[in-house]
N, C-alpha and C. Protein backbone atom coordinates (compact mmCIF):
# COMPACT_ATOMS: atom_id res chain seq x y z
N MET A 1 -10.61 -16.04 -12.40
CA MET A 1 -10.32 -14.89 -11.61
C MET A 1 -9.39 -15.33 -10.49
N ASP A 2 -8.38 -14.57 -10.24
CA ASP A 2 -7.45 -14.81 -9.15
C ASP A 2 -7.88 -13.94 -7.98
N LEU A 3 -8.23 -14.55 -6.84
CA LEU A 3 -8.69 -13.81 -5.67
C LEU A 3 -7.69 -13.92 -4.54
N ARG A 4 -7.51 -12.84 -3.81
CA ARG A 4 -6.61 -12.84 -2.66
C ARG A 4 -7.25 -12.02 -1.55
N ALA A 5 -7.21 -12.53 -0.34
CA ALA A 5 -7.66 -11.76 0.82
C ALA A 5 -6.48 -10.88 1.25
N VAL A 6 -6.73 -9.60 1.41
CA VAL A 6 -5.68 -8.65 1.75
C VAL A 6 -6.15 -7.84 2.95
N GLY A 7 -5.26 -7.59 3.89
CA GLY A 7 -5.64 -6.76 5.02
C GLY A 7 -4.43 -6.32 5.82
N ASP A 8 -4.61 -5.23 6.54
CA ASP A 8 -3.53 -4.71 7.38
C ASP A 8 -3.91 -4.73 8.85
N GLY A 9 -4.97 -5.43 9.19
CA GLY A 9 -5.43 -5.46 10.58
C GLY A 9 -6.56 -4.48 10.84
N ASN A 10 -6.60 -3.38 10.09
CA ASN A 10 -7.66 -2.38 10.25
C ASN A 10 -8.71 -2.49 9.16
N GLU A 11 -8.29 -2.82 7.97
CA GLU A 11 -9.20 -2.96 6.84
C GLU A 11 -8.92 -4.28 6.14
N ASN A 12 -9.96 -4.93 5.68
CA ASN A 12 -9.83 -6.17 4.91
C ASN A 12 -10.62 -6.04 3.63
N PHE A 13 -10.08 -6.56 2.55
CA PHE A 13 -10.80 -6.56 1.29
C PHE A 13 -10.27 -7.69 0.42
N ILE A 14 -10.98 -7.97 -0.65
CA ILE A 14 -10.57 -9.00 -1.61
C ILE A 14 -10.07 -8.30 -2.86
N GLU A 15 -8.90 -8.68 -3.31
CA GLU A 15 -8.28 -8.14 -4.52
C GLU A 15 -8.43 -9.19 -5.61
N ALA A 16 -8.87 -8.80 -6.80
CA ALA A 16 -9.11 -9.77 -7.87
C ALA A 16 -8.51 -9.31 -9.19
N TYR A 17 -8.08 -10.28 -9.98
CA TYR A 17 -7.54 -10.04 -11.31
C TYR A 17 -8.26 -10.95 -12.29
N PRO A 18 -9.25 -10.45 -13.02
CA PRO A 18 -9.96 -11.31 -13.97
C PRO A 18 -9.07 -11.66 -15.16
N ALA A 19 -9.25 -12.87 -15.66
CA ALA A 19 -8.49 -13.32 -16.83
C ALA A 19 -9.37 -14.24 -17.67
N VAL A 20 -9.25 -14.13 -18.97
CA VAL A 20 -9.97 -15.01 -19.89
C VAL A 20 -8.98 -16.04 -20.41
N TYR A 21 -9.28 -17.31 -20.16
CA TYR A 21 -8.39 -18.40 -20.56
C TYR A 21 -8.74 -18.95 -21.93
N ASP A 22 -7.73 -19.43 -22.63
CA ASP A 22 -7.89 -20.17 -23.89
C ASP A 22 -8.58 -19.39 -24.99
N GLN A 23 -8.51 -18.07 -24.95
CA GLN A 23 -9.05 -17.23 -26.02
C GLN A 23 -8.03 -16.14 -26.35
N MET A 24 -7.89 -15.86 -27.61
CA MET A 24 -6.95 -14.83 -28.02
C MET A 24 -7.47 -13.45 -27.62
N THR A 25 -6.59 -12.65 -27.03
CA THR A 25 -6.91 -11.29 -26.62
C THR A 25 -5.89 -10.35 -27.24
N ASN A 26 -6.35 -9.27 -27.85
CA ASN A 26 -5.45 -8.28 -28.42
C ASN A 26 -5.08 -7.29 -27.33
N ILE A 27 -3.79 -7.07 -27.13
CA ILE A 27 -3.29 -6.16 -26.10
C ILE A 27 -2.85 -4.85 -26.75
N GLY A 28 -3.67 -3.84 -26.58
CA GLY A 28 -3.34 -2.50 -27.05
C GLY A 28 -3.04 -2.38 -28.54
N GLY A 29 -3.53 -3.31 -29.35
CA GLY A 29 -3.28 -3.26 -30.78
C GLY A 29 -1.86 -3.62 -31.16
N CYS A 30 -1.05 -4.05 -30.17
CA CYS A 30 0.36 -4.35 -30.41
C CYS A 30 0.64 -5.83 -30.57
N PHE A 31 -0.03 -6.67 -29.79
CA PHE A 31 0.22 -8.10 -29.88
C PHE A 31 -0.99 -8.88 -29.38
N ASN A 32 -1.04 -10.17 -29.72
CA ASN A 32 -2.10 -11.06 -29.29
C ASN A 32 -1.56 -12.00 -28.22
N GLU A 33 -2.42 -12.35 -27.26
CA GLU A 33 -2.02 -13.21 -26.17
C GLU A 33 -3.12 -14.24 -25.91
N ILE A 34 -2.71 -15.47 -25.62
CA ILE A 34 -3.63 -16.51 -25.17
C ILE A 34 -3.17 -16.93 -23.79
N MET A 35 -4.02 -16.74 -22.78
CA MET A 35 -3.70 -17.07 -21.40
C MET A 35 -4.00 -18.54 -21.14
N GLU A 36 -3.01 -19.28 -20.69
CA GLU A 36 -3.21 -20.69 -20.36
C GLU A 36 -3.83 -20.80 -18.97
N ARG A 37 -4.61 -21.85 -18.73
CA ARG A 37 -5.29 -22.06 -17.45
C ARG A 37 -4.29 -22.16 -16.29
N GLU A 38 -3.06 -22.56 -16.54
CA GLU A 38 -2.05 -22.72 -15.51
C GLU A 38 -1.29 -21.43 -15.21
N ALA A 39 -1.67 -20.33 -15.84
CA ALA A 39 -0.91 -19.08 -15.74
C ALA A 39 -0.72 -18.58 -14.31
N PHE A 40 -1.68 -18.82 -13.42
CA PHE A 40 -1.58 -18.31 -12.05
C PHE A 40 -1.19 -19.38 -11.05
N ASP A 41 -0.89 -20.57 -11.50
CA ASP A 41 -0.46 -21.64 -10.60
C ASP A 41 0.92 -21.29 -10.04
N GLY A 42 1.10 -21.52 -8.77
CA GLY A 42 2.35 -21.19 -8.11
C GLY A 42 3.44 -22.10 -8.51
């Protein structure tokens, strides 16, 4: 999961994007994708 602290000074919250690594995932019946563990590295 990629987590980021986000805020504008008045409100603060954590924004997250879950991801499954090293497993094939079907995207909308159109194609298959395997997410590498390094996908979110800067």
